[in-house]
Amino acid sequence: MNIPGFQQHRVPVADGVALHTAVGGTGSPVVLLHGFPQTHLMWRHVAAGLAADGHTVICPDLRGYGASDKPADPDGTSYAKRTMAADVVALARALGHESFALAGHDRGALVAFRAGLDHPDAVTHLALLDVLPTLDMWEVLRGATAAVAFHLYLMAQPPGLPEELIGAAPDLFFGHFLDLWSRDPAAVPAGVRAAYLAACREAVPSIVADYRASAGVDAEHDLADRSAGNVLRMPVTVLQQDWGAALGYDAAALWRAWAPDLEHRTVDCGHFMAEEAPEEVTAALRELLTR
């Protein structure tokens, strides 16, 4: 499945890694990064709106997801968010853009967060949807409430067991999150859901490697930046469900420590907000781009 009106490209970004990318519109560039368990298709509504506004909209499948390459992970760094963020910068440059606005959802938001810290001269504006920075995420998941994130702990285990368990029933595993995290099932129609499940079914090892990195190298990188006082220099918008109220933390305060120029909003929809509330997400991105 494709985003209507967008052209499909396969763009080399690193040795042996090319990203399947949908590009549409003309004008100032905006890169949109998908989350789990999805592909670039999650942006289909928002991407069309931004393209109509006069932007070049770039929607890749992240490395390890969808139709993008899925390299092996022998040393635990192939799916570090630092590595995946470098992919995004290389992708934009390959398409002719030295700087760009960047939005990410879920796993894509973690990549976008790292891109903002590592490549502040490339990322002009940053939007992060329904996520916390990796280090903060591990710190707030405590006690019985951490059961809502059981998949984080499962995929953090050493190679072998998670891949075997998930690979034995991939549609059940990935479909569980599509069902649990959505308030409006109609927002992910049957054809799109089938595309997501098919893509995940073929990517179990790389998806697990992406999550495993968040229990190791990604947290180490966040800790190093926190210790050094590094922050996001660009305007930042964060849209989140009210997880802070549910789990007992101040989400806006956590984000403000990383993003001095912050607009933080809670949204009244499910996790898949770009599909459940695309008008609200598009409006937030439009406002961000004027800051």
Protein backbone atom coordinates (compact mmCIF):
# COMPACT_ATOMS: atom_id res chain seq x y z
CA MET A 1 0.00 0.00 0.00
CA ASN A 2 1.14 3.53 -0.77
CA ILE A 3 0.21 7.04 0.32
CA PRO A 4 -1.93 8.39 -2.55
CA GLY A 5 -0.05 10.90 -4.69
CA PHE A 6 3.33 10.12 -3.13
CA GLN A 7 6.24 8.67 -5.07
CA GLN A 8 8.07 5.62 -3.76
CA HIS A 9 11.86 5.67 -3.51
CA ARG A 10 14.56 3.37 -2.23
CA VAL A 11 17.31 5.57 -0.80
CA PRO A 12 20.73 4.29 0.36
CA VAL A 13 21.60 5.83 3.75
CA ALA A 14 24.44 3.66 5.09
CA ASP A 15 26.59 0.73 4.03
CA GLY A 16 24.18 -2.00 3.04
CA VAL A 17 21.11 -0.09 4.23
CA ALA A 18 18.50 1.60 2.06
CA LEU A 19 15.21 3.03 3.30
CA HIS A 20 11.91 2.62 1.48
CA THR A 21 10.57 6.16 1.38
CA ALA A 22 7.40 7.89 0.21
CA VAL A 23 7.86 11.51 -0.92
CA GLY A 24 5.17 13.99 -1.87
CA GLY A 25 4.62 17.71 -2.27
CA THR A 26 7.07 20.53 -2.85
CA GLY A 27 8.50 23.17 -0.55
CA SER A 28 10.26 23.18 2.79
CA PRO A 29 10.99 19.61 3.91
CA VAL A 30 9.23 17.75 6.71
CA VAL A 31 10.31 14.21 7.63
CA LEU A 32 7.77 11.94 9.36
CA LEU A 33 8.90 8.82 11.25
CA HIS A 34 6.45 6.03 12.05
CA GLY A 35 6.01 4.02 15.23
CA PHE A 36 5.37 0.42 16.30
CA PRO A 37 3.82 -1.77 15.00
CA GLN A 38 3.41 0.33 11.86
CA THR A 39 5.08 1.58 8.71
CA HIS A 40 5.19 4.95 6.97
CA LEU A 41 1.51 4.41 6.05
CA MET A 42 0.50 5.67 9.51
CA TRP A 43 1.21 9.21 8.24
CA ARG A 44 -1.07 8.95 5.18
CA HIS A 45 -3.56 11.60 6.37
CA VAL A 46 -1.08 14.00 7.96
CA ALA A 47 1.37 13.69 5.07
CA ALA A 48 -1.30 14.62 2.53
CA GLY A 49 -2.29 17.67 4.59
CA LEU A 50 1.27 18.93 4.93
CA ALA A 51 2.00 18.35 1.25
CA ALA A 52 -1.06 20.43 0.39
CA ASP A 53 0.33 23.19 2.64
CA GLY A 54 3.44 23.53 0.47
CA HIS A 55 5.92 21.13 2.04
CA THR A 56 8.05 18.34 0.68
CA VAL A 57 6.93 15.49 2.93
CA ILE A 58 9.32 12.55 3.40
CA CYS A 59 7.97 9.37 5.00
CA PRO A 60 10.48 6.52 5.33
CA ASP A 61 10.10 3.08 6.77
CA LEU A 62 12.70 3.02 9.55
CA ARG A 63 15.58 0.59 9.17
CA GLY A 64 14.34 -2.79 10.31
CA TYR A 65 10.71 -2.01 9.48
CA GLY A 66 8.40 -2.22 6.50
CA ALA A 67 10.15 -2.42 3.13
CA SER A 68 13.42 -0.90 4.38
CA ASP A 69 16.54 -2.99 4.85
CA LYS A 70 16.92 -5.04 8.00
CA PRO A 71 20.62 -5.45 8.77
CA ALA A 72 21.90 -7.94 11.29
CA ASP A 73 22.82 -6.64 14.73
CA PRO A 74 26.01 -8.42 15.78
CA ASP A 75 27.21 -5.82 18.30
CA GLY A 76 23.97 -4.25 19.52
CA THR A 77 24.43 -0.94 17.68
CA SER A 78 22.70 -1.52 14.32
CA TYR A 79 19.42 -0.35 15.84
CA ALA A 80 20.74 2.22 18.29
CA LYS A 81 18.67 5.36 17.89
CA ARG A 82 21.93 7.17 17.15
CA THR A 83 22.41 4.89 14.14
CA MET A 84 18.80 5.26 13.02
CA ALA A 85 18.95 9.04 13.46
CA ALA A 86 22.01 9.14 11.20
CA ASP A 87 19.92 7.25 8.62
CA VAL A 88 17.33 10.03 8.70
CA VAL A 89 19.88 12.80 8.21
CA ALA A 90 21.50 10.84 5.36
CA LEU A 91 18.08 10.28 3.79
CA ALA A 92 17.22 13.98 3.82
CA ARG A 93 20.61 14.89 2.37
CA ALA A 94 20.27 12.28 -0.37
CA LEU A 95 16.99 13.95 -1.31
CA GLY A 96 18.65 17.37 -1.38
CA HIS A 97 17.84 18.76 2.08
CA GLU A 98 20.57 19.80 4.52
CA SER A 99 17.99 20.80 7.15
CA PHE A 100 14.39 19.80 7.77
CA ALA A 101 11.55 19.72 10.27
CA LEU A 102 11.13 16.31 11.91
CA ALA A 103 8.19 14.54 13.53
CA GLY A 104 8.16 11.07 15.02
CA HIS A 105 5.63 8.80 16.67
CA ASP A 106 6.46 6.10 19.23
CA ARG A 107 9.69 4.39 18.07
CA GLY A 108 10.06 7.03 15.40
CA ALA A 109 9.84 9.70 18.10
CA LEU A 110 12.80 8.13 19.88
CA VAL A 111 14.76 8.28 16.62
CA ALA A 112 13.64 11.89 16.14
CA PHE A 113 14.66 12.78 19.70
CA ARG A 114 18.13 11.39 19.12
CA ALA A 115 18.37 13.18 15.77
CA GLY A 116 17.53 16.46 17.50
CA LEU A 117 20.30 15.95 20.06
CA ASP A 118 22.94 14.60 17.66
CA HIS A 119 22.16 16.78 14.62
CA PRO A 120 20.85 20.15 15.88
CA ASP A 121 22.03 21.94 12.74
CA ALA A 122 19.94 19.62 10.58
CA VAL A 123 16.70 19.50 12.58
CA THR A 124 14.93 22.87 12.55
CA HIS A 125 11.70 21.88 14.35
CA LEU A 126 10.86 18.73 16.28
CA ALA A 127 7.53 17.05 17.07
CA LEU A 128 7.33 13.96 19.30
CA LEU A 129 4.15 11.92 19.61
CA ASP A 130 3.18 9.75 22.59
CA VAL A 131 6.57 8.79 23.97
CA LEU A 132 9.06 9.66 26.67
CA PRO A 133 12.83 9.78 26.20
CA THR A 134 14.25 6.32 26.73
CA LEU A 135 16.01 7.10 30.00
CA ASP A 136 12.91 8.73 31.50
CA MET A 137 10.72 5.89 30.27
CA TRP A 138 12.69 3.29 32.21
CA GLU A 139 12.72 5.51 35.30
CA VAL A 140 8.92 5.96 35.44
CA LEU A 141 8.03 2.31 34.80
CA ARG A 142 7.88 1.00 38.35
CA GLY A 143 5.96 -1.72 40.15
CA ALA A 144 2.69 -3.19 38.92
CA THR A 145 2.00 -0.24 36.61
CA ALA A 146 4.96 -1.34 34.48
CA ALA A 147 2.81 -4.26 33.30
CA VAL A 148 1.36 -1.96 30.63
CA ALA A 149 4.80 -2.05 29.00
CA PHE A 150 5.48 -5.79 29.23
CA HIS A 151 6.69 -5.82 25.62
CA LEU A 152 9.59 -3.52 26.54
CA TYR A 153 10.87 -6.05 29.05
CA LEU A 154 10.26 -9.03 26.77
CA MET A 155 12.21 -7.54 23.87
CA ALA A 156 15.00 -6.34 26.16
CA GLN A 157 16.05 -9.95 26.79
CA PRO A 158 19.17 -11.40 25.12
CA PRO A 159 18.81 -12.65 21.54
CA GLY A 160 16.90 -15.86 21.14
CA LEU A 161 13.90 -16.09 23.43
CA PRO A 162 12.00 -12.92 22.38
CA GLU A 163 12.42 -13.68 18.69
CA GLU A 164 11.23 -17.27 19.16
CA LEU A 165 8.20 -16.33 21.24
CA ILE A 166 7.07 -13.47 19.01
CA GLY A 167 7.88 -15.35 15.80
CA ALA A 168 5.64 -18.23 16.89
CA ALA A 169 2.53 -16.02 16.76
CA PRO A 170 3.47 -12.67 15.19
CA ASP A 171 -0.03 -11.61 14.15
CA LEU A 172 -1.34 -12.27 17.65
CA PHE A 173 1.53 -10.32 19.23
CA PHE A 174 1.53 -7.27 16.96
CA GLY A 175 -2.25 -7.28 16.57
CA HIS A 176 -2.58 -7.11 20.35
CA PHE A 177 -1.04 -3.63 20.35
CA LEU A 178 -3.06 -2.42 17.37
CA ASP A 179 -6.19 -3.39 19.32
CA LEU A 180 -5.16 -2.36 22.83
CA TRP A 181 -3.72 1.03 22.00
CA SER A 182 -6.49 2.29 19.73
CA ARG A 183 -9.70 3.94 20.91
CA ASP A 184 -11.09 4.01 17.37
CA PRO A 185 -10.55 0.71 15.53
CA ALA A 186 -11.96 2.24 12.34
CA ALA A 187 -8.94 4.56 12.21
CA VAL A 188 -6.83 1.58 11.13
CA PRO A 189 -8.95 -0.05 8.40
CA ALA A 190 -8.61 -3.70 7.54
CA GLY A 191 -6.29 -3.18 4.57
CA VAL A 192 -3.90 -0.99 6.53
CA ARG A 193 -3.97 -3.35 9.50
CA ALA A 194 -3.13 -6.26 7.20
CA ALA A 195 -0.23 -4.28 5.75
CA TYR A 196 1.12 -3.54 9.22
CA LEU A 197 0.87 -7.16 10.31
CA ALA A 198 2.50 -8.44 7.11
CA ALA A 199 5.38 -5.98 7.53
CA CYS A 200 5.93 -6.92 11.18
CA ARG A 201 5.71 -10.61 10.43
CA GLU A 202 8.74 -10.26 8.18
CA ALA A 203 10.70 -8.11 10.63
CA VAL A 204 10.60 -9.83 14.02
CA PRO A 205 14.39 -9.96 14.59
CA SER A 206 14.96 -6.32 13.63
CA ILE A 207 11.99 -5.02 15.61
CA VAL A 208 13.25 -6.90 18.68
CA ALA A 209 16.74 -5.47 18.07
CA ASP A 210 15.28 -1.96 17.96
CA TYR A 211 13.61 -2.47 21.34
CA ARG A 212 16.63 -4.26 22.80
CA ALA A 213 18.77 -1.21 21.99
CA SER A 214 16.48 0.90 24.16
CA ALA A 215 17.39 -1.22 27.19
CA GLY A 216 21.09 -0.73 26.55
CA VAL A 217 22.89 1.63 24.22
CA ASP A 218 20.02 4.11 23.86
CA ALA A 219 19.73 4.61 27.61
CA GLU A 220 23.50 5.02 27.80
CA HIS A 221 23.39 7.76 25.16
CA ASP A 222 20.54 9.56 26.95
CA LEU A 223 22.41 9.37 30.25
CA ALA A 224 25.54 10.84 28.68
CA ASP A 225 23.54 13.75 27.25
CA ARG A 226 21.72 14.35 30.52
CA SER A 227 25.01 14.34 32.43
CA ALA A 228 26.53 16.79 29.95
CA GLY A 229 23.51 19.10 30.10
CA ASN A 230 22.71 18.64 26.41
CA VAL A 231 19.21 19.74 25.40
CA LEU A 232 17.14 20.12 22.26
CA ARG A 233 17.88 23.54 20.80
CA MET A 234 15.01 23.74 18.32
CA PRO A 235 11.31 24.43 18.98
CA VAL A 236 9.70 21.21 20.23
CA THR A 237 6.07 20.10 20.33
CA VAL A 238 5.09 17.00 22.31
CA LEU A 239 1.65 15.42 21.96
CA GLN A 240 0.81 12.67 24.46
CA GLN A 241 -2.01 10.75 25.98
CA ASP A 242 -2.30 11.46 29.68
CA TRP A 243 0.06 8.69 30.72
CA GLY A 244 1.50 10.90 33.43
CA ALA A 245 -1.79 10.88 35.31
CA ALA A 246 -2.12 7.13 34.86
CA LEU A 247 1.41 6.25 35.94
CA GLY A 248 2.12 9.05 38.42
CA TYR A 249 4.59 11.40 36.78
CA ASP A 250 4.64 14.91 35.32
CA ALA A 251 5.16 14.33 31.61
CA ALA A 252 5.53 18.01 30.75
CA ALA A 253 8.21 18.48 33.40
CA LEU A 254 10.16 15.49 32.12
CA TRP A 255 10.08 16.88 28.62
CA ARG A 256 10.89 20.44 29.69
CA ALA A 257 14.20 19.22 31.13
CA TRP A 258 15.17 18.19 27.59
CA ALA A 259 13.40 20.89 25.57
CA PRO A 260 13.54 24.51 26.81
CA ASP A 261 11.36 25.71 23.90
CA LEU A 262 8.50 23.28 24.53
CA GLU A 263 4.82 23.11 23.66
CA HIS A 264 3.36 20.11 25.52
CA ARG A 265 -0.22 18.95 25.02
CA THR A 266 -2.29 15.99 26.08
CA VAL A 267 -4.66 14.60 23.48
CA ASP A 268 -8.01 12.88 23.85
CA CYS A 269 -7.50 9.91 21.55
CA GLY A 270 -5.65 6.61 21.47
CA HIS A 271 -1.98 5.98 20.87
CA PHE A 272 -2.29 6.01 17.08
CA MET A 273 -3.09 9.70 17.03
CA ALA A 274 -1.92 10.43 13.49
CA GLU A 275 -4.62 7.99 12.34
CA GLU A 276 -7.22 8.62 15.06
CA ALA A 277 -6.94 12.42 15.17
CA PRO A 278 -5.07 13.46 12.00
CA GLU A 279 -6.56 16.95 11.89
CA GLU A 280 -5.35 17.69 15.43
CA VAL A 281 -1.89 16.33 14.69
CA THR A 282 -1.64 18.24 11.41
CA ALA A 283 -2.73 21.45 13.12
CA ALA A 284 -0.10 20.99 15.83
CA LEU A 285 2.61 20.48 13.21
CA ARG A 286 1.49 23.58 11.33
CA GLU A 287 1.74 25.61 14.51
CA LEU A 288 5.17 24.16 15.28
CA LEU A 289 6.46 25.16 11.86
CA THR A 290 5.59 28.81 12.53
CA ARG A 291 7.69 28.99 15.74
